[in-house]
Amino acid sequence: MPLGELRPSPLVEQAAARLREQITGGHWPVGTRLPGETTLAKELGVGRSTVREALRALAGAGLVRPRQGAGVFVIATEPAEDWPARLRRAAVSDVYEVRMAIEVHAARLAARRRTDEDIAALRAALAGRRAASAAGDTAFVDADIAFHAAVVAAAHNPVLADLFAEFTPVLRTGLVELLSLTGLRRTDPNTADDAHEAIWRAVAEGDEEAAVAVVTRELEDPFGPVPRGEAGAARRE
């Protein structure tokens, strides 16, 4: 199947899209060596530099891989899924398990490394969570996540902070749905306030073991006891 010349426009993007179609459509199966840059450039009606950039984009998507002295080979017929996309389709329970691993370790580091500024930020985040208790579930969840983000920030590990930030959109959706399903805030609008104050105090006092223990307990049951029946079953799913 001829590739066909491209229209003038973002040529690299067009070239990459056309080559991607050939790969995902099965014209070039896994293991196939692609035609050389000169051949591809002639078929696409572009320069070799455009082809080179397009192949680089396909390599970044996990579709092809260059082999020194041998050429460029197809290694997959579907683009590799990026991390944000994988998180978006992940089960909230899976994300929550990883969240626990991150936050428990972050709490230990926060108790060890916190500064006066971190303690003040945690106190402000706790106050913000309490103020949000008068608002709806979405605002309350945002304030809750902001508090936990402040704990992670106090660990002074940028990788932990970045990982937590990646999880935030999925966590936010899951926690809002949890509160909606269970109605936990109907009787206690500032649910789990004691646990969050305990986290702040443990970090502020530099008590690593207490920080780990209270964060572990709080994340195992983030908004307190769940009513029995349908709502409780929904939460466990």
C-alpha atoms as a PDB file:
ATOM      1  CA  MET A   1       0.000   0.000   0.000  1.00  0.00           C
ATOM      2  CA  PRO A   2       1.643   3.287  -1.085  1.00  0.00           C
ATOM      3  CA  LEU A   3       2.111   5.843   1.646  1.00  0.00           C
ATOM      4  CA  GLY A   4       1.077   8.877  -0.414  1.00  0.00           C
ATOM      5  CA  GLU A   5       2.559  12.359  -0.339  1.00  0.00           C
ATOM      6  CA  LEU A   6       1.726  14.638   2.568  1.00  0.00           C
ATOM      7  CA  ARG A   7       0.091  18.035   2.562  1.00  0.00           C
ATOM      8  CA  PRO A   8       2.207  20.944   3.801  1.00  0.00           C
ATOM      9  CA  SER A   9       1.449  21.451   7.534  1.00  0.00           C
ATOM     10  CA  PRO A  10       3.104  19.983  10.644  1.00  0.00           C
ATOM     11  CA  LEU A  11       4.987  17.476   8.486  1.00  0.00           C
ATOM     12  CA  VAL A  12       6.603  15.565  11.325  1.00  0.00           C
ATOM     13  CA  GLU A  13       3.216  14.910  12.956  1.00  0.00           C
ATOM     14  CA  GLN A  14       1.716  13.891   9.616  1.00  0.00           C
ATOM     15  CA  ALA A  15       4.622  11.622   8.830  1.00  0.00           C
ATOM     16  CA  ALA A  16       4.467   9.982  12.241  1.00  0.00           C
ATOM     17  CA  ALA A  17       0.705   9.492  11.906  1.00  0.00           C
ATOM     18  CA  ARG A  18       1.054   7.934   8.451  1.00  0.00           C
ATOM     19  CA  LEU A  19       3.797   5.562   9.581  1.00  0.00           C
ATOM     20  CA  ARG A  20       1.829   4.719  12.711  1.00  0.00           C
ATOM     21  CA  GLU A  21      -1.148   3.748  10.526  1.00  0.00           C
ATOM     22  CA  GLN A  22       1.046   1.339   8.592  1.00  0.00           C
ATOM     23  CA  ILE A  23       2.224  -0.282  11.819  1.00  0.00           C
ATOM     24  CA  THR A  24      -1.071  -0.448  13.712  1.00  0.00           C
ATOM     25  CA  GLY A  25      -2.864  -1.583  10.561  1.00  0.00           C
ATOM     26  CA  GLY A  26      -0.576  -4.602  10.251  1.00  0.00           C
ATOM     27  CA  HIS A  27       1.216  -3.549   7.072  1.00  0.00           C
ATOM     28  CA  TRP A  28       4.501  -3.740   8.976  1.00  0.00           C
ATOM     29  CA  PRO A  29       4.214  -6.547  11.574  1.00  0.00           C
ATOM     30  CA  VAL A  30       6.354  -6.810  14.695  1.00  0.00           C
ATOM     31  CA  GLY A  31       9.903  -7.678  13.720  1.00  0.00           C
ATOM     32  CA  THR A  32       9.705  -5.925  10.348  1.00  0.00           C
ATOM     33  CA  ARG A  33      12.591  -3.706   9.330  1.00  0.00           C
ATOM     34  CA  LEU A  34      11.219  -0.422   8.062  1.00  0.00           C
ATOM     35  CA  PRO A  35      12.312   0.961   4.703  1.00  0.00           C
ATOM     36  CA  GLY A  36      15.291   3.303   4.929  1.00  0.00           C
ATOM     37  CA  GLU A  37      14.943   7.027   5.537  1.00  0.00           C
ATOM     38  CA  THR A  38      15.563   7.849   1.878  1.00  0.00           C
ATOM     39  CA  THR A  39      12.813   5.488   0.706  1.00  0.00           C
ATOM     40  CA  LEU A  40      10.340   6.733   3.305  1.00  0.00           C
ATOM     41  CA  ALA A  41      11.156  10.362   2.540  1.00  0.00           C
ATOM     42  CA  LYS A  42      10.521   9.775  -1.167  1.00  0.00           C
ATOM     43  CA  GLU A  43       7.190   7.988  -0.560  1.00  0.00           C
ATOM     44  CA  LEU A  44       5.986  10.621   1.884  1.00  0.00           C
ATOM     45  CA  GLY A  45       7.267  13.551  -0.143  1.00  0.00           C
ATOM     46  CA  VAL A  46       9.267  15.024   2.721  1.00  0.00           C
ATOM     47  CA  GLY A  47      12.895  15.446   3.678  1.00  0.00           C
ATOM     48  CA  ARG A  48      14.937  12.838   5.511  1.00  0.00           C
ATOM     49  CA  SER A  49      15.103  15.029   8.607  1.00  0.00           C
ATOM     50  CA  THR A  50      11.297  14.953   8.826  1.00  0.00           C
ATOM     51  CA  VAL A  51      11.301  11.167   8.553  1.00  0.00           C
ATOM     52  CA  ARG A  52      14.003  10.970  11.209  1.00  0.00           C
ATOM     53  CA  GLU A  53      11.924  13.045  13.648  1.00  0.00           C
ATOM     54  CA  ALA A  54       8.802  11.010  12.879  1.00  0.00           C
ATOM     55  CA  LEU A  55      10.663   7.773  13.606  1.00  0.00           C
ATOM     56  CA  ARG A  56      11.916   9.272  16.847  1.00  0.00           C
ATOM     57  CA  ALA A  57       8.318  10.008  17.840  1.00  0.00           C
ATOM     58  CA  LEU A  58       7.304   6.428  17.035  1.00  0.00           C
ATOM     59  CA  ALA A  59      10.219   5.146  19.115  1.00  0.00           C
ATOM     60  CA  GLY A  60       9.015   7.298  21.998  1.00  0.00           C
ATOM     61  CA  ALA A  61       5.576   5.709  21.650  1.00  0.00           C
ATOM     62  CA  GLY A  62       7.148   2.253  21.913  1.00  0.00           C
ATOM     63  CA  LEU A  63       6.320   1.212  18.362  1.00  0.00           C
ATOM     64  CA  VAL A  64       9.790   1.022  16.798  1.00  0.00           C
ATOM     65  CA  ARG A  65      13.376   0.688  17.922  1.00  0.00           C
ATOM     66  CA  PRO A  66      16.528   1.543  15.988  1.00  0.00           C
ATOM     67  CA  ARG A  67      19.317  -1.039  15.930  1.00  0.00           C
ATOM     68  CA  GLN A  68      22.801   0.244  15.379  1.00  0.00           C
ATOM     69  CA  GLY A  69      23.889  -0.545  11.862  1.00  0.00           C
ATOM     70  CA  ALA A  70      20.773  -2.609  11.119  1.00  0.00           C
ATOM     71  CA  GLY A  71      17.946  -0.102  10.723  1.00  0.00           C
ATOM     72  CA  VAL A  72      14.656   0.624  12.473  1.00  0.00           C
ATOM     73  CA  PHE A  73      12.445  -2.308  13.484  1.00  0.00           C
ATOM     74  CA  VAL A  74       8.821  -2.579  14.546  1.00  0.00           C
ATOM     75  CA  ILE A  75       8.600  -3.790  18.164  1.00  0.00           C
ATOM     76  CA  ALA A  76       4.862  -3.275  18.863  1.00  0.00           C
ATOM     77  CA  THR A  77       1.662  -2.645  16.941  1.00  0.00           C
ATOM     78  CA  GLU A  78      -0.012  -0.594  19.684  1.00  0.00           C
ATOM     79  CA  PRO A  79       1.469   2.532  21.301  1.00  0.00           C
ATOM     80  CA  ALA A  80       2.769   2.149  24.830  1.00  0.00           C
ATOM     81  CA  GLU A  81       0.285   3.544  27.344  1.00  0.00           C
ATOM     82  CA  ASP A  82       1.671   6.495  29.233  1.00  0.00           C
ATOM     83  CA  TRP A  83       1.559   6.719  33.014  1.00  0.00           C
ATOM     84  CA  PRO A  84      -1.274   9.271  33.302  1.00  0.00           C
ATOM     85  CA  ALA A  85      -3.448   7.208  30.954  1.00  0.00           C
ATOM     86  CA  ARG A  86      -2.784   4.057  32.975  1.00  0.00           C
ATOM     87  CA  LEU A  87      -3.734   5.841  36.175  1.00  0.00           C
ATOM     88  CA  ARG A  88      -6.960   7.129  34.643  1.00  0.00           C
ATOM     89  CA  ARG A  89      -8.160   3.605  33.910  1.00  0.00           C
ATOM     90  CA  ALA A  90      -6.765   2.026  37.088  1.00  0.00           C
ATOM     91  CA  ALA A  91      -9.078   0.736  39.794  1.00  0.00           C
ATOM     92  CA  VAL A  92      -9.294   3.198  42.677  1.00  0.00           C
ATOM     93  CA  SER A  93      -8.463   0.354  45.087  1.00  0.00           C
ATOM     94  CA  ASP A  94      -5.182  -0.305  43.239  1.00  0.00           C
ATOM     95  CA  VAL A  95      -4.249   3.363  43.275  1.00  0.00           C
ATOM     96  CA  TYR A  96      -5.170   3.578  46.956  1.00  0.00           C
ATOM     97  CA  GLU A  97      -2.816   0.719  47.853  1.00  0.00           C
ATOM     98  CA  VAL A  98       0.073   2.533  46.186  1.00  0.00           C
ATOM     99  CA  ARG A  99      -1.025   5.760  47.838  1.00  0.00           C
ATOM    100  CA  MET A 100      -0.678   4.064  51.223  1.00  0.00           C
ATOM    101  CA  ALA A 101       2.872   2.994  50.441  1.00  0.00           C
ATOM    102  CA  ILE A 102       3.808   6.518  49.426  1.00  0.00           C
ATOM    103  CA  GLU A 103       2.106   8.352  52.278  1.00  0.00           C
ATOM    104  CA  VAL A 104       3.216   6.035  55.055  1.00  0.00           C
ATOM    105  CA  HIS A 105       6.856   6.441  54.040  1.00  0.00           C
ATOM    106  CA  ALA A 106       6.333  10.159  53.454  1.00  0.00           C
ATOM    107  CA  ALA A 107       4.944  10.515  56.991  1.00  0.00           C
ATOM    108  CA  ARG A 108       8.082   8.938  58.444  1.00  0.00           C
ATOM    109  CA  LEU A 109      10.316  11.242  56.418  1.00  0.00           C
ATOM    110  CA  ALA A 110       8.143  14.255  57.237  1.00  0.00           C
ATOM    111  CA  ALA A 111       8.511  13.632  60.972  1.00  0.00           C
ATOM    112  CA  ARG A 112      12.260  13.404  60.464  1.00  0.00           C
ATOM    113  CA  ARG A 113      12.762  16.335  58.097  1.00  0.00           C
ATOM    114  CA  ARG A 114       9.941  18.814  58.779  1.00  0.00           C
ATOM    115  CA  THR A 115      10.806  22.461  59.094  1.00  0.00           C
ATOM    116  CA  ASP A 116       8.976  25.241  60.893  1.00  0.00           C
ATOM    117  CA  GLU A 117       7.482  26.207  57.525  1.00  0.00           C
ATOM    118  CA  ASP A 118       6.233  22.646  56.996  1.00  0.00           C
ATOM    119  CA  ILE A 119       4.602  22.578  60.424  1.00  0.00           C
ATOM    120  CA  ALA A 120       2.882  25.887  59.675  1.00  0.00           C
ATOM    121  CA  ALA A 121       1.726  24.570  56.284  1.00  0.00           C
ATOM    122  CA  LEU A 122       0.278  21.460  57.909  1.00  0.00           C
ATOM    123  CA  ARG A 123      -1.504  23.545  60.534  1.00  0.00           C
ATOM    124  CA  ALA A 124      -2.967  25.733  57.764  1.00  0.00           C
ATOM    125  CA  ALA A 125      -4.019  22.654  55.759  1.00  0.00           C
ATOM    126  CA  LEU A 126      -5.722  21.202  58.837  1.00  0.00           C
ATOM    127  CA  ALA A 127      -7.564  24.485  59.359  1.00  0.00           C
ATOM    128  CA  GLY A 128      -8.553  24.468  55.696  1.00  0.00           C
ATOM    129  CA  ARG A 129      -9.933  20.955  56.026  1.00  0.00           C
ATOM    130  CA  ARG A 130     -11.978  22.014  59.042  1.00  0.00           C
ATOM    131  CA  ALA A 131     -13.298  25.072  57.220  1.00  0.00           C
ATOM    132  CA  ALA A 132     -14.278  22.877  54.262  1.00  0.00           C
ATOM    133  CA  SER A 133     -16.452  20.751  56.530  1.00  0.00           C
ATOM    134  CA  ALA A 134     -19.193  23.331  55.977  1.00  0.00           C
ATOM    135  CA  ALA A 135     -18.952  22.851  52.206  1.00  0.00           C
ATOM    136  CA  GLY A 136     -19.947  20.035  49.868  1.00  0.00           C
ATOM    137  CA  ASP A 137     -18.176  16.714  49.421  1.00  0.00           C
ATOM    138  CA  THR A 138     -15.989  17.851  46.522  1.00  0.00           C
ATOM    139  CA  ALA A 139     -14.603  20.859  48.409  1.00  0.00           C
ATOM    140  CA  PHE A 140     -14.068  18.720  51.499  1.00  0.00           C
ATOM    141  CA  VAL A 141     -12.157  16.078  49.506  1.00  0.00           C
ATOM    142  CA  ASP A 142     -10.000  18.797  47.938  1.00  0.00           C
ATOM    143  CA  ALA A 143      -9.138  20.106  51.404  1.00  0.00           C
ATOM    144  CA  ASP A 144      -8.451  16.579  52.637  1.00  0.00           C
ATOM    145  CA  ILE A 145      -6.090  15.891  49.742  1.00  0.00           C
ATOM    146  CA  ALA A 146      -4.387  19.252  50.322  1.00  0.00           C
ATOM    147  CA  PHE A 147      -3.637  18.192  53.899  1.00  0.00           C
ATOM    148  CA  HIS A 148      -2.111  14.905  52.773  1.00  0.00           C
ATOM    149  CA  ALA A 149      -0.145  16.717  50.069  1.00  0.00           C
ATOM    150  CA  ALA A 150       1.309  18.935  52.794  1.00  0.00           C
ATOM    151  CA  VAL A 151       2.488  15.831  54.667  1.00  0.00           C
ATOM    152  CA  VAL A 152       4.139  14.511  51.504  1.00  0.00           C
ATOM    153  CA  ALA A 153       5.726  17.917  50.842  1.00  0.00           C
ATOM    154  CA  ALA A 154       7.197  17.897  54.363  1.00  0.00           C
ATOM    155  CA  ALA A 155       9.116  14.731  53.443  1.00  0.00           C
ATOM    156  CA  HIS A 156      11.242  16.873  51.110  1.00  0.00           C
ATOM    157  CA  ASN A 157      11.458  14.151  48.469  1.00  0.00           C
ATOM    158  CA  PRO A 158      10.450  15.542  45.060  1.00  0.00           C
ATOM    159  CA  VAL A 159       9.867  12.082  43.599  1.00  0.00           C
ATOM    160  CA  LEU A 160       7.340  11.217  46.318  1.00  0.00           C
ATOM    161  CA  ALA A 161       5.670  14.583  45.796  1.00  0.00           C
ATOM    162  CA  ASP A 162       5.437  14.033  42.034  1.00  0.00           C
ATOM    163  CA  LEU A 163       4.004  10.531  42.466  1.00  0.00           C
ATOM    164  CA  PHE A 164       1.372  11.809  44.870  1.00  0.00           C
ATOM    165  CA  ALA A 165       0.447  14.578  42.448  1.00  0.00           C
ATOM    166  CA  GLU A 166       0.000  11.994  39.666  1.00  0.00           C
ATOM    167  CA  PHE A 167      -2.447  10.029  41.824  1.00  0.00           C
ATOM    168  CA  THR A 168      -4.464  13.055  42.924  1.00  0.00           C
ATOM    169  CA  PRO A 169      -7.062  13.166  40.090  1.00  0.00           C
ATOM    170  CA  VAL A 170      -7.943   9.473  40.514  1.00  0.00           C
ATOM    171  CA  LEU A 171      -8.025   9.784  44.305  1.00  0.00           C
ATOM    172  CA  ARG A 172     -10.212  12.865  44.129  1.00  0.00           C
ATOM    173  CA  THR A 173     -12.801  11.142  41.967  1.00  0.00           C
ATOM    174  CA  GLY A 174     -12.781   8.001  44.094  1.00  0.00           C
ATOM    175  CA  LEU A 175     -13.095   9.811  47.411  1.00  0.00           C
ATOM    176  CA  VAL A 176     -15.909  12.058  46.207  1.00  0.00           C
ATOM    177  CA  GLU A 177     -17.780   8.976  44.993  1.00  0.00           C
ATOM    178  CA  LEU A 178     -17.111   7.237  48.312  1.00  0.00           C
ATOM    179  CA  LEU A 179     -18.634  10.087  50.312  1.00  0.00           C
ATOM    180  CA  SER A 180     -21.606  10.264  47.970  1.00  0.00           C
ATOM    181  CA  LEU A 181     -22.275   6.537  48.217  1.00  0.00           C
ATOM    182  CA  THR A 182     -21.856   6.212  51.955  1.00  0.00           C
ATOM    183  CA  GLY A 183     -23.199   9.563  53.186  1.00  0.00           C
ATOM    184  CA  LEU A 184     -20.515   9.548  55.885  1.00  0.00           C
ATOM    185  CA  ARG A 185     -20.570  13.337  56.305  1.00  0.00           C
ATOM    186  CA  ARG A 186     -24.287  13.604  56.981  1.00  0.00           C
ATOM    187  CA  THR A 187     -23.754  12.970  60.682  1.00  0.00           C
ATOM    188  CA  ASP A 188     -20.127  14.113  60.909  1.00  0.00           C
ATOM    189  CA  PRO A 189     -19.295  16.822  58.333  1.00  0.00           C
ATOM    190  CA  ASN A 190     -15.664  16.949  59.504  1.00  0.00           C
ATOM    191  CA  THR A 191     -15.223  13.197  59.574  1.00  0.00           C
ATOM    192  CA  ALA A 192     -11.831  11.837  60.715  1.00  0.00           C
ATOM    193  CA  ASP A 193     -10.739  15.208  62.093  1.00  0.00           C
ATOM    194  CA  ASP A 194      -9.104  13.595  65.149  1.00  0.00           C
ATOM    195  CA  ALA A 195      -6.944  11.394  62.922  1.00  0.00           C
ATOM    196  CA  HIS A 196      -5.743  14.366  60.886  1.00  0.00           C
ATOM    197  CA  GLU A 197      -4.890  16.363  63.974  1.00  0.00           C
ATOM    198  CA  ALA A 198      -2.938  13.350  65.236  1.00  0.00           C
ATOM    199  CA  ILE A 199      -0.989  13.238  61.981  1.00  0.00           C
ATOM    200  CA  TRP A 200      -0.137  16.915  62.289  1.00  0.00           C
ATOM    201  CA  ARG A 201       0.982  16.531  65.910  1.00  0.00           C
ATOM    202  CA  ALA A 202       3.121  13.451  65.195  1.00  0.00           C
ATOM    203  CA  VAL A 203       4.916  15.196  62.345  1.00  0.00           C
ATOM    204  CA  ALA A 204       5.302  18.444  64.297  1.00  0.00           C
ATOM    205  CA  GLU A 205       6.755  16.572  67.283  1.00  0.00           C
ATOM    206  CA  GLY A 206       9.117  14.548  65.094  1.00  0.00           C
ATOM    207  CA  ASP A 207       7.637  11.242  66.243  1.00  0.00           C
ATOM    208  CA  GLU A 208       8.286   8.990  63.257  1.00  0.00           C
ATOM    209  CA  GLU A 209       6.631   5.862  64.650  1.00  0.00           C
ATOM    210  CA  ALA A 210       3.513   7.727  65.713  1.00  0.00           C
ATOM    211  CA  ALA A 211       3.317   9.419  62.303  1.00  0.00           C
ATOM    212  CA  VAL A 212       3.546   6.068  60.530  1.00  0.00           C
ATOM    213  CA  ALA A 213       0.988   4.458  62.825  1.00  0.00           C
ATOM    214  CA  VAL A 214      -1.626   7.195  62.591  1.00  0.00           C
ATOM    215  CA  VAL A 215      -1.291   7.611  58.814  1.00  0.00           C
ATOM    216  CA  THR A 216      -1.601   3.855  58.353  1.00  0.00           C
ATOM    217  CA  ARG A 217      -4.767   3.745  60.463  1.00  0.00           C
ATOM    218  CA  GLU A 218      -6.247   6.793  58.757  1.00  0.00           C
ATOM    219  CA  LEU A 219      -5.637   5.510  55.240  1.00  0.00           C
ATOM    220  CA  GLU A 220      -7.032   2.084  56.068  1.00  0.00           C
ATOM    221  CA  ASP A 221     -10.271   3.844  57.042  1.00  0.00           C
ATOM    222  CA  PRO A 222      -9.998   7.348  55.545  1.00  0.00           C
ATOM    223  CA  PHE A 223     -13.360   8.760  56.591  1.00  0.00           C
ATOM    224  CA  GLY A 224     -14.235   6.708  59.625  1.00  0.00           C
ATOM    225  CA  PRO A 225     -16.653   3.761  59.983  1.00  0.00           C
ATOM    226  CA  VAL A 226     -18.837   2.914  57.024  1.00  0.00           C
ATOM    227  CA  PRO A 227     -22.524   2.061  57.475  1.00  0.00           C
ATOM    228  CA  ARG A 228     -23.471  -1.546  56.922  1.00  0.00           C
ATOM    229  CA  GLY A 229     -25.514  -2.617  53.949  1.00  0.00           C
ATOM    230  CA  GLU A 230     -25.413  -1.404  50.373  1.00  0.00           C
ATOM    231  CA  ALA A 231     -23.242   1.629  51.016  1.00  0.00           C
ATOM    232  CA  GLY A 232     -20.629  -0.410  52.832  1.00  0.00           C
ATOM    233  CA  ALA A 233     -20.609  -2.990  50.064  1.00  0.00           C
ATOM    234  CA  ALA A 234     -20.151  -0.264  47.474  1.00  0.00           C
ATOM    235  CA  ARG A 235     -17.101   1.015  49.263  1.00  0.00           C
ATOM    236  CA  ARG A 236     -15.433  -2.391  49.340  1.00  0.00           C
ATOM    237  CA  GLU A 237     -15.809  -2.906  45.584  1.00  0.00           C
END
